[in-house]
Amino acid sequence: MHAASRKSLSRFLAVARKAVWPHFVAVKQSFPATDYAPATGMLVFDIGGNKHRLIATVDFTEQLLHIHRVLTHDEYSREDL
């Protein structure tokens, strides 16, 4: 994990742990800047004032968030999903 992302990631996790997300629209209500990559089913969360990208999947039925990667804005590329 990037040391600079710790505070942002901690805030993200605090919100995500309390959230109930039955579908993607609910995720967008918690994190409006979240994008969905339909080809892979991945969600791309902008965290830290758009300085980092958190790449994850959500099992809406089981209410599980699986974080795949945390990247800086510069490291992120949609083709990598």
C-alpha atoms as a PDB file:
ATOM      1  CA  MET A   1       0.000   0.000   0.000  1.00  0.00           C
ATOM      2  CA  HIS A   2       1.155   3.491  -0.744  1.00  0.00           C
ATOM      3  CA  ALA A   3       1.983   5.301   2.492  1.00  0.00           C
ATOM      4  CA  ALA A   4       0.342   8.460   1.149  1.00  0.00           C
ATOM      5  CA  SER A   5      -2.956   6.612   0.705  1.00  0.00           C
ATOM      6  CA  ARG A   6      -3.291   5.333   4.298  1.00  0.00           C
ATOM      7  CA  LYS A   7      -5.489   8.148   5.585  1.00  0.00           C
ATOM      8  CA  SER A   8      -7.725   8.100   2.497  1.00  0.00           C
ATOM      9  CA  LEU A   9      -7.970   4.331   2.574  1.00  0.00           C
ATOM     10  CA  SER A  10      -8.879   4.373   6.262  1.00  0.00           C
ATOM     11  CA  ARG A  11     -11.715   6.833   5.558  1.00  0.00           C
ATOM     12  CA  PHE A  12     -12.884   4.704   2.618  1.00  0.00           C
ATOM     13  CA  LEU A  13     -12.919   1.549   4.744  1.00  0.00           C
ATOM     14  CA  ALA A  14     -14.826   3.268   7.569  1.00  0.00           C
ATOM     15  CA  VAL A  15     -17.606   4.212   5.146  1.00  0.00           C
ATOM     16  CA  ALA A  16     -17.566   0.870   3.303  1.00  0.00           C
ATOM     17  CA  ARG A  17     -17.786  -1.170   6.522  1.00  0.00           C
ATOM     18  CA  LYS A  18     -20.996   0.616   7.528  1.00  0.00           C
ATOM     19  CA  ALA A  19     -22.527   0.633   4.050  1.00  0.00           C
ATOM     20  CA  VAL A  20     -25.279  -1.609   2.772  1.00  0.00           C
ATOM     21  CA  TRP A  21     -24.944  -1.846  -1.000  1.00  0.00           C
ATOM     22  CA  PRO A  22     -27.692  -3.919  -2.641  1.00  0.00           C
ATOM     23  CA  HIS A  23     -26.644  -2.610  -6.090  1.00  0.00           C
ATOM     24  CA  PHE A  24     -24.244  -0.256  -7.854  1.00  0.00           C
ATOM     25  CA  VAL A  25     -26.550   2.756  -7.466  1.00  0.00           C
ATOM     26  CA  ALA A  26     -26.164   2.447  -3.681  1.00  0.00           C
ATOM     27  CA  VAL A  27     -22.376   2.416  -4.076  1.00  0.00           C
ATOM     28  CA  LYS A  28     -22.635   5.647  -6.092  1.00  0.00           C
ATOM     29  CA  GLN A  29     -24.627   7.217  -3.258  1.00  0.00           C
ATOM     30  CA  SER A  30     -21.731   6.518  -0.865  1.00  0.00           C
ATOM     31  CA  PHE A  31     -18.970   7.291  -3.370  1.00  0.00           C
ATOM     32  CA  PRO A  32     -20.300   9.395  -6.284  1.00  0.00           C
ATOM     33  CA  ALA A  33     -17.028   9.290  -8.250  1.00  0.00           C
ATOM     34  CA  THR A  34     -17.089   5.485  -8.539  1.00  0.00           C
ATOM     35  CA  ASP A  35     -16.959   3.984 -12.028  1.00  0.00           C
ATOM     36  CA  TYR A  36     -17.973   0.519 -13.186  1.00  0.00           C
ATOM     37  CA  ALA A  37     -15.936  -1.464 -15.726  1.00  0.00           C
ATOM     38  CA  PRO A  38     -18.527  -3.856 -17.219  1.00  0.00           C
ATOM     39  CA  ALA A  39     -16.003  -6.022 -19.047  1.00  0.00           C
ATOM     40  CA  THR A  40     -14.433  -7.131 -15.752  1.00  0.00           C
ATOM     41  CA  GLY A  41     -17.091  -6.311 -13.175  1.00  0.00           C
ATOM     42  CA  MET A  42     -14.586  -4.135 -11.348  1.00  0.00           C
ATOM     43  CA  LEU A  43     -15.466  -0.939  -9.534  1.00  0.00           C
ATOM     44  CA  VAL A  44     -13.004   1.946  -9.625  1.00  0.00           C
ATOM     45  CA  PHE A  45     -13.203   4.207  -6.585  1.00  0.00           C
ATOM     46  CA  ASP A  46     -11.474   7.609  -6.642  1.00  0.00           C
ATOM     47  CA  ILE A  47     -10.090   8.172  -3.161  1.00  0.00           C
ATOM     48  CA  GLY A  48      -7.848  10.744  -1.582  1.00  0.00           C
ATOM     49  CA  GLY A  49      -9.113  13.691  -3.561  1.00  0.00           C
ATOM     50  CA  ASN A  50      -8.655  11.820  -6.852  1.00  0.00           C
ATOM     51  CA  LYS A  51      -5.016  11.003  -5.999  1.00  0.00           C
ATOM     52  CA  HIS A  52      -5.601   7.248  -5.743  1.00  0.00           C
ATOM     53  CA  ARG A  53      -7.704   4.556  -7.377  1.00  0.00           C
ATOM     54  CA  LEU A  54      -9.060   1.640  -5.424  1.00  0.00           C
ATOM     55  CA  ILE A  55      -9.980  -1.268  -7.698  1.00  0.00           C
ATOM     56  CA  ALA A  56     -12.506  -3.672  -6.194  1.00  0.00           C
ATOM     57  CA  THR A  57     -15.398  -6.011  -6.761  1.00  0.00           C
ATOM     58  CA  VAL A  58     -18.541  -6.115  -4.653  1.00  0.00           C
ATOM     59  CA  ASP A  59     -20.681  -9.166  -4.045  1.00  0.00           C
ATOM     60  CA  PHE A  60     -23.990  -7.383  -3.529  1.00  0.00           C
ATOM     61  CA  THR A  61     -25.762 -10.539  -2.327  1.00  0.00           C
ATOM     62  CA  GLU A  62     -23.194 -11.423   0.325  1.00  0.00           C
ATOM     63  CA  GLN A  63     -22.262  -7.771   1.046  1.00  0.00           C
ATOM     64  CA  LEU A  64     -18.558  -8.445   0.503  1.00  0.00           C
ATOM     65  CA  LEU A  65     -16.026  -5.960  -0.811  1.00  0.00           C
ATOM     66  CA  HIS A  66     -12.899  -7.454  -2.349  1.00  0.00           C
ATOM     67  CA  ILE A  67     -10.118  -4.910  -2.872  1.00  0.00           C
ATOM     68  CA  HIS A  68      -7.865  -5.935  -5.738  1.00  0.00           C
ATOM     69  CA  ARG A  69      -5.479  -2.992  -5.918  1.00  0.00           C
ATOM     70  CA  VAL A  70      -4.805   0.513  -4.683  1.00  0.00           C
ATOM     71  CA  LEU A  71      -2.972   2.635  -7.233  1.00  0.00           C
ATOM     72  CA  THR A  72      -1.876   6.218  -7.585  1.00  0.00           C
ATOM     73  CA  HIS A  73      -3.651   8.257 -10.208  1.00  0.00           C
ATOM     74  CA  ASP A  74      -0.527   8.016 -12.400  1.00  0.00           C
ATOM     75  CA  GLU A  75      -0.319   4.212 -12.075  1.00  0.00           C
ATOM     76  CA  TYR A  76      -3.935   3.685 -13.017  1.00  0.00           C
ATOM     77  CA  SER A  77      -4.867   2.743 -16.552  1.00  0.00           C
ATOM     78  CA  ARG A  78      -8.276   1.434 -17.604  1.00  0.00           C
ATOM     79  CA  GLU A  79      -6.588  -1.090 -19.862  1.00  0.00           C
ATOM     80  CA  ASP A  80      -5.132  -2.780 -16.759  1.00  0.00           C
ATOM     81  CA  LEU A  81      -8.580  -3.775 -15.503  1.00  0.00           C
END
